[in-house]
């Protein structure tokens, strides 16, 4: 998927053939929060994406409101007892926490898919 990332916000990249432009919106925000942007080139789209996120963050600060985030960074994963046990064993063998072991495994999987 084509996307933009800025200050931990992830934005889509869409094409409007009708309007002959690129556009997008910040993904995974609550329904009542919309941050959108557009441009005629990828550089313009990226610039407007950055400006839109910065403007949103400035408005939140001016109004004393906590900005909505795409993701908190906390994820609850359900595993079978057998996998949980194996992960705990391997984490201990490598001298890291279970969270660190799982985070590294996910990072490696993401890197392999990109």
N, C-alpha and C. Protein backbone atom coordinates (compact mmCIF):
# COMPACT_ATOMS: atom_id res chain seq x y z
N UNK A 1 0.84 -1.18 0.00
CA UNK A 1 0.00 0.00 0.00
C UNK A 1 0.88 1.24 0.00
N UNK A 2 0.55 2.18 -0.83
CA UNK A 2 1.27 3.45 -0.85
C UNK A 2 0.77 4.32 0.28
N UNK A 3 1.71 4.87 1.04
CA UNK A 3 1.31 5.72 2.16
C UNK A 3 2.43 6.71 2.47
N UNK A 4 2.07 7.71 3.26
CA UNK A 4 3.00 8.71 3.75
C UNK A 4 3.04 8.60 5.27
N UNK A 5 4.17 8.91 5.86
CA UNK A 5 4.29 8.89 7.32
C UNK A 5 4.95 10.18 7.78
N UNK A 6 4.38 10.78 8.82
CA UNK A 6 4.92 12.02 9.37
C UNK A 6 4.44 12.15 10.80
N UNK A 7 5.38 12.34 11.73
CA UNK A 7 5.07 12.52 13.15
C UNK A 7 4.13 11.43 13.67
N UNK A 8 4.38 10.20 13.27
CA UNK A 8 3.60 9.02 13.66
C UNK A 8 2.18 9.01 13.11
N UNK A 9 1.90 9.83 12.11
CA UNK A 9 0.62 9.78 11.42
C UNK A 9 0.86 9.13 10.06
N UNK A 10 -0.04 8.27 9.66
CA UNK A 10 0.05 7.56 8.39
C UNK A 10 -1.06 8.06 7.49
N UNK A 11 -0.69 8.46 6.27
CA UNK A 11 -1.67 9.00 5.34
C UNK A 11 -1.74 8.20 4.05
N UNK A 12 -2.91 8.15 3.46
CA UNK A 12 -3.11 7.44 2.20
C UNK A 12 -2.65 8.28 1.02
N UNK A 13 -2.44 7.63 -0.10
CA UNK A 13 -2.16 8.29 -1.37
C UNK A 13 -3.18 7.78 -2.38
N UNK A 14 -4.03 8.67 -2.84
CA UNK A 14 -5.08 8.32 -3.80
C UNK A 14 -4.90 9.17 -5.06
N UNK A 15 -5.46 8.69 -6.16
CA UNK A 15 -5.39 9.40 -7.43
C UNK A 15 -6.81 9.74 -7.89
N UNK A 16 -7.01 10.99 -8.27
CA UNK A 16 -8.28 11.41 -8.89
C UNK A 16 -7.99 11.72 -10.35
N UNK A 17 -8.34 10.78 -11.22
CA UNK A 17 -8.16 11.01 -12.65
C UNK A 17 -9.07 12.14 -13.12
N UNK A 18 -10.25 12.22 -12.54
CA UNK A 18 -11.22 13.27 -12.91
C UNK A 18 -10.67 14.66 -12.65
N UNK A 19 -10.03 14.84 -11.48
CA UNK A 19 -9.48 16.15 -11.10
C UNK A 19 -7.99 16.28 -11.44
N UNK A 20 -7.40 15.20 -11.95
CA UNK A 20 -5.99 15.18 -12.32
C UNK A 20 -5.09 15.62 -11.15
N UNK A 21 -5.33 14.98 -9.98
CA UNK A 21 -4.53 15.31 -8.81
C UNK A 21 -4.40 14.11 -7.90
N UNK A 22 -3.54 14.25 -6.93
CA UNK A 22 -3.36 13.26 -5.87
C UNK A 22 -4.02 13.81 -4.62
N UNK A 23 -4.52 12.93 -3.78
CA UNK A 23 -5.13 13.35 -2.52
C UNK A 23 -5.02 12.23 -1.51
N UNK A 24 -5.31 12.53 -0.28
CA UNK A 24 -5.28 11.50 0.75
C UNK A 24 -5.85 12.01 2.05
N UNK A 25 -5.87 11.10 3.02
CA UNK A 25 -6.31 11.44 4.37
C UNK A 25 -5.50 10.63 5.36
N UNK A 26 -5.40 11.16 6.58
CA UNK A 26 -4.71 10.44 7.64
C UNK A 26 -5.57 9.25 8.02
N UNK A 27 -4.94 8.09 8.11
CA UNK A 27 -5.65 6.84 8.35
C UNK A 27 -5.80 6.54 9.83
N UNK A 28 -6.83 5.77 10.12
CA UNK A 28 -7.05 5.20 11.45
C UNK A 28 -7.23 6.21 12.57
N UNK A 29 -7.90 7.30 12.25
CA UNK A 29 -8.31 8.26 13.28
C UNK A 29 -9.78 8.02 13.59
N UNK A 30 -10.25 8.46 14.75
CA UNK A 30 -11.68 8.33 15.05
C UNK A 30 -12.52 9.02 13.96
N UNK A 31 -13.74 8.55 13.79
CA UNK A 31 -14.61 9.06 12.72
C UNK A 31 -14.81 10.57 12.75
N UNK A 32 -14.73 11.18 13.91
CA UNK A 32 -14.98 12.63 13.99
C UNK A 32 -13.73 13.46 13.70
N UNK A 33 -12.62 12.82 13.33
CA UNK A 33 -11.38 13.53 13.03
C UNK A 33 -10.98 13.24 11.59
N UNK A 34 -10.86 14.29 10.78
CA UNK A 34 -10.46 14.14 9.38
C UNK A 34 -9.32 15.10 9.09
N UNK A 35 -8.21 14.55 8.64
CA UNK A 35 -7.08 15.35 8.19
C UNK A 35 -6.86 14.93 6.74
N UNK A 36 -7.10 15.86 5.80
CA UNK A 36 -6.95 15.54 4.39
C UNK A 36 -5.93 16.49 3.74
N UNK A 37 -5.47 16.12 2.56
CA UNK A 37 -4.44 16.89 1.86
C UNK A 37 -4.49 16.53 0.38
N UNK A 38 -3.83 17.35 -0.45
CA UNK A 38 -3.81 17.08 -1.89
C UNK A 38 -2.60 17.73 -2.53
N UNK A 39 -2.34 17.35 -3.77
CA UNK A 39 -1.24 17.93 -4.53
C UNK A 39 -1.25 17.40 -5.94
N UNK A 40 -0.53 18.06 -6.81
CA UNK A 40 -0.45 17.62 -8.20
C UNK A 40 0.72 16.67 -8.42
N UNK A 41 1.70 16.69 -7.53
CA UNK A 41 2.84 15.78 -7.59
C UNK A 41 3.01 15.12 -6.23
N UNK A 42 3.83 14.08 -6.18
CA UNK A 42 4.11 13.42 -4.90
C UNK A 42 4.74 14.42 -3.93
N UNK A 43 5.66 15.25 -4.43
CA UNK A 43 6.30 16.25 -3.57
C UNK A 43 5.27 17.21 -2.99
N UNK A 44 4.34 17.68 -3.82
CA UNK A 44 3.29 18.60 -3.33
C UNK A 44 2.37 17.88 -2.35
N UNK A 45 2.05 16.62 -2.64
CA UNK A 45 1.18 15.85 -1.75
C UNK A 45 1.85 15.70 -0.39
N UNK A 46 3.13 15.33 -0.39
CA UNK A 46 3.88 15.17 0.87
C UNK A 46 3.93 16.49 1.63
N UNK A 47 4.19 17.57 0.92
CA UNK A 47 4.26 18.89 1.56
C UNK A 47 2.92 19.26 2.20
N UNK A 48 1.82 19.03 1.49
CA UNK A 48 0.50 19.36 2.04
C UNK A 48 0.13 18.41 3.18
N UNK A 49 0.55 17.15 3.11
CA UNK A 49 0.34 16.19 4.19
C UNK A 49 1.03 16.70 5.46
N UNK A 50 2.30 17.07 5.34
CA UNK A 50 3.04 17.59 6.49
C UNK A 50 2.38 18.85 7.04
N UNK A 51 2.01 19.76 6.15
CA UNK A 51 1.37 21.01 6.58
C UNK A 51 0.03 20.74 7.27
N UNK A 52 -0.74 19.79 6.76
CA UNK A 52 -2.04 19.47 7.35
C UNK A 52 -1.89 18.87 8.74
N UNK A 53 -0.92 17.97 8.91
CA UNK A 53 -0.67 17.39 10.23
C UNK A 53 -0.20 18.47 11.19
N UNK A 54 0.75 19.31 10.73
CA UNK A 54 1.24 20.39 11.59
C UNK A 54 0.12 21.34 12.00
N UNK A 55 -0.75 21.68 11.05
CA UNK A 55 -1.88 22.57 11.36
C UNK A 55 -2.81 21.93 12.38
N UNK A 56 -3.11 20.64 12.20
CA UNK A 56 -3.96 19.92 13.14
C UNK A 56 -3.35 19.95 14.54
N UNK A 57 -2.05 19.66 14.64
CA UNK A 57 -1.38 19.64 15.94
C UNK A 57 -1.36 21.04 16.57
N UNK A 58 -1.17 22.08 15.76
CA UNK A 58 -1.20 23.46 16.27
C UNK A 58 -2.57 23.84 16.79
N UNK A 59 -3.62 23.47 16.04
CA UNK A 59 -4.98 23.76 16.48
C UNK A 59 -5.30 23.05 17.80
N UNK A 60 -4.85 21.80 17.91
CA UNK A 60 -5.08 21.06 19.16
C UNK A 60 -4.38 21.76 20.32
N UNK A 61 -3.14 22.20 20.10
CA UNK A 61 -2.39 22.88 21.14
C UNK A 61 -3.06 24.20 21.53
N UNK A 62 -3.49 24.97 20.53
CA UNK A 62 -4.16 26.25 20.79
C UNK A 62 -5.42 26.07 21.61
N UNK A 63 -6.14 24.98 21.35
CA UNK A 63 -7.42 24.73 22.02
C UNK A 63 -7.27 23.87 23.28
N UNK A 64 -6.04 23.49 23.62
CA UNK A 64 -5.82 22.68 24.82
C UNK A 64 -6.42 21.30 24.71
N UNK A 65 -6.44 20.76 23.49
CA UNK A 65 -7.03 19.44 23.23
C UNK A 65 -5.93 18.45 22.92
N UNK A 66 -6.04 17.25 23.45
CA UNK A 66 -5.08 16.19 23.15
C UNK A 66 -5.30 15.70 21.73
N UNK A 67 -4.27 15.73 20.87
CA UNK A 67 -4.44 15.28 19.48
C UNK A 67 -4.79 13.80 19.42
N UNK A 68 -5.65 13.45 18.48
CA UNK A 68 -5.97 12.05 18.24
C UNK A 68 -4.75 11.39 17.61
N UNK A 69 -4.49 10.17 17.94
CA UNK A 69 -3.36 9.43 17.40
C UNK A 69 -3.87 8.27 16.56
N UNK A 70 -3.06 7.90 15.59
CA UNK A 70 -3.40 6.75 14.75
C UNK A 70 -3.41 5.47 15.58
N UNK A 71 -2.32 5.25 16.30
CA UNK A 71 -2.19 4.05 17.13
C UNK A 71 -1.46 4.43 18.41
N UNK A 72 -1.76 3.74 19.46
CA UNK A 72 -1.14 4.05 20.75
C UNK A 72 0.23 3.41 20.90
N UNK A 73 0.49 2.35 20.14
CA UNK A 73 1.74 1.61 20.30
C UNK A 73 1.57 0.43 21.23
N UNK A 74 0.40 0.29 21.81
CA UNK A 74 0.10 -0.84 22.67
C UNK A 74 -0.81 -1.80 21.92
N UNK A 75 -0.44 -3.06 21.90
CA UNK A 75 -1.18 -4.06 21.13
C UNK A 75 -1.32 -5.32 21.97
N UNK A 76 -2.53 -5.81 22.09
CA UNK A 76 -2.79 -7.03 22.84
C UNK A 76 -2.93 -8.17 21.83
N UNK A 77 -2.02 -9.13 21.87
CA UNK A 77 -2.03 -10.24 20.92
C UNK A 77 -2.43 -11.52 21.63
N UNK A 78 -3.35 -12.26 21.05
CA UNK A 78 -3.78 -13.53 21.62
C UNK A 78 -3.02 -14.67 20.95
N UNK A 79 -2.39 -15.51 21.75
CA UNK A 79 -1.63 -16.65 21.27
C UNK A 79 -2.18 -17.93 21.88
N UNK A 80 -1.89 -19.04 21.25
CA UNK A 80 -2.23 -20.31 21.88
C UNK A 80 -1.27 -20.52 23.04
N UNK A 81 -1.64 -21.30 24.04
CA UNK A 81 -0.71 -21.56 25.15
C UNK A 81 0.63 -22.16 24.67
N UNK A 82 0.59 -22.99 23.65
CA UNK A 82 1.82 -23.60 23.14
C UNK A 82 2.75 -22.55 22.53
N UNK A 83 2.20 -21.64 21.75
CA UNK A 83 3.03 -20.59 21.15
C UNK A 83 3.54 -19.63 22.22
N UNK A 84 2.68 -19.28 23.16
CA UNK A 84 3.08 -18.40 24.26
C UNK A 84 4.25 -19.01 25.02
N UNK A 85 4.17 -20.29 25.30
CA UNK A 85 5.23 -20.98 26.02
C UNK A 85 6.53 -20.98 25.21
N UNK A 86 6.42 -21.22 23.92
CA UNK A 86 7.60 -21.26 23.04
C UNK A 86 8.24 -19.86 22.96
N UNK A 87 7.43 -18.82 22.82
CA UNK A 87 7.94 -17.45 22.78
C UNK A 87 8.65 -17.11 24.09
N UNK A 88 8.06 -17.48 25.21
CA UNK A 88 8.68 -17.20 26.51
C UNK A 88 10.02 -17.92 26.63
N UNK A 89 10.08 -19.16 26.20
CA UNK A 89 11.32 -19.93 26.24
C UNK A 89 12.39 -19.28 25.37
N UNK A 90 12.04 -18.95 24.12
CA UNK A 90 13.01 -18.35 23.19
C UNK A 90 13.47 -16.97 23.66
N UNK A 91 12.55 -16.18 24.22
CA UNK A 91 12.92 -14.87 24.74
C UNK A 91 13.93 -15.02 25.88
N UNK A 92 13.67 -15.96 26.77
CA UNK A 92 14.58 -16.19 27.89
C UNK A 92 15.94 -16.66 27.38
N UNK A 93 15.94 -17.54 26.39
CA UNK A 93 17.18 -18.05 25.81
C UNK A 93 18.03 -16.93 25.20
N UNK A 94 17.36 -15.93 24.62
CA UNK A 94 18.09 -14.84 23.97
C UNK A 94 18.32 -13.65 24.92
N UNK A 95 17.80 -13.75 26.14
CA UNK A 95 18.05 -12.72 27.14
C UNK A 95 17.26 -11.44 26.96
N UNK A 96 16.07 -11.56 26.37
CA UNK A 96 15.21 -10.39 26.18
C UNK A 96 13.84 -10.66 26.76
N UNK A 97 13.05 -9.60 26.89
CA UNK A 97 11.68 -9.78 27.38
C UNK A 97 10.80 -10.37 26.28
N UNK A 98 9.67 -10.89 26.67
CA UNK A 98 8.71 -11.41 25.69
C UNK A 98 8.29 -10.30 24.73
N UNK A 99 8.00 -9.10 25.27
CA UNK A 99 7.61 -7.97 24.40
C UNK A 99 8.69 -7.65 23.39
N UNK A 100 9.93 -7.60 23.84
CA UNK A 100 11.05 -7.30 22.94
C UNK A 100 11.19 -8.38 21.87
N UNK A 101 11.04 -9.63 22.27
CA UNK A 101 11.15 -10.74 21.32
C UNK A 101 10.06 -10.64 20.24
N UNK A 102 8.82 -10.40 20.66
CA UNK A 102 7.70 -10.29 19.71
C UNK A 102 7.88 -9.06 18.83
N UNK A 103 8.28 -7.92 19.41
CA UNK A 103 8.48 -6.70 18.62
C UNK A 103 9.53 -6.94 17.53
N UNK A 104 10.64 -7.58 17.88
CA UNK A 104 11.70 -7.87 16.91
C UNK A 104 11.19 -8.80 15.81
N UNK A 105 10.43 -9.82 16.19
CA UNK A 105 9.89 -10.76 15.20
C UNK A 105 8.96 -10.03 14.22
N UNK A 106 8.13 -9.14 14.74
CA UNK A 106 7.21 -8.38 13.88
C UNK A 106 8.00 -7.43 12.98
N UNK A 107 9.00 -6.75 13.53
CA UNK A 107 9.83 -5.84 12.72
C UNK A 107 10.50 -6.60 11.58
N UNK A 108 11.02 -7.80 11.86
CA UNK A 108 11.67 -8.60 10.81
C UNK A 108 10.65 -9.01 9.74
N UNK A 109 9.45 -9.37 10.16
CA UNK A 109 8.42 -9.78 9.21
C UNK A 109 8.00 -8.60 8.32
N UNK A 110 7.84 -7.44 8.91
CA UNK A 110 7.49 -6.24 8.13
C UNK A 110 8.59 -5.91 7.13
N UNK A 111 9.84 -5.94 7.58
CA UNK A 111 10.97 -5.64 6.70
C UNK A 111 11.02 -6.61 5.52
N UNK A 112 10.72 -7.87 5.79
CA UNK A 112 10.75 -8.89 4.73
C UNK A 112 9.63 -8.68 3.71
N UNK A 113 8.54 -8.04 4.13
CA UNK A 113 7.40 -7.83 3.23
C UNK A 113 7.52 -6.54 2.43
N UNK A 114 8.38 -5.64 2.84
CA UNK A 114 8.53 -4.35 2.15
C UNK A 114 9.50 -4.43 1.00
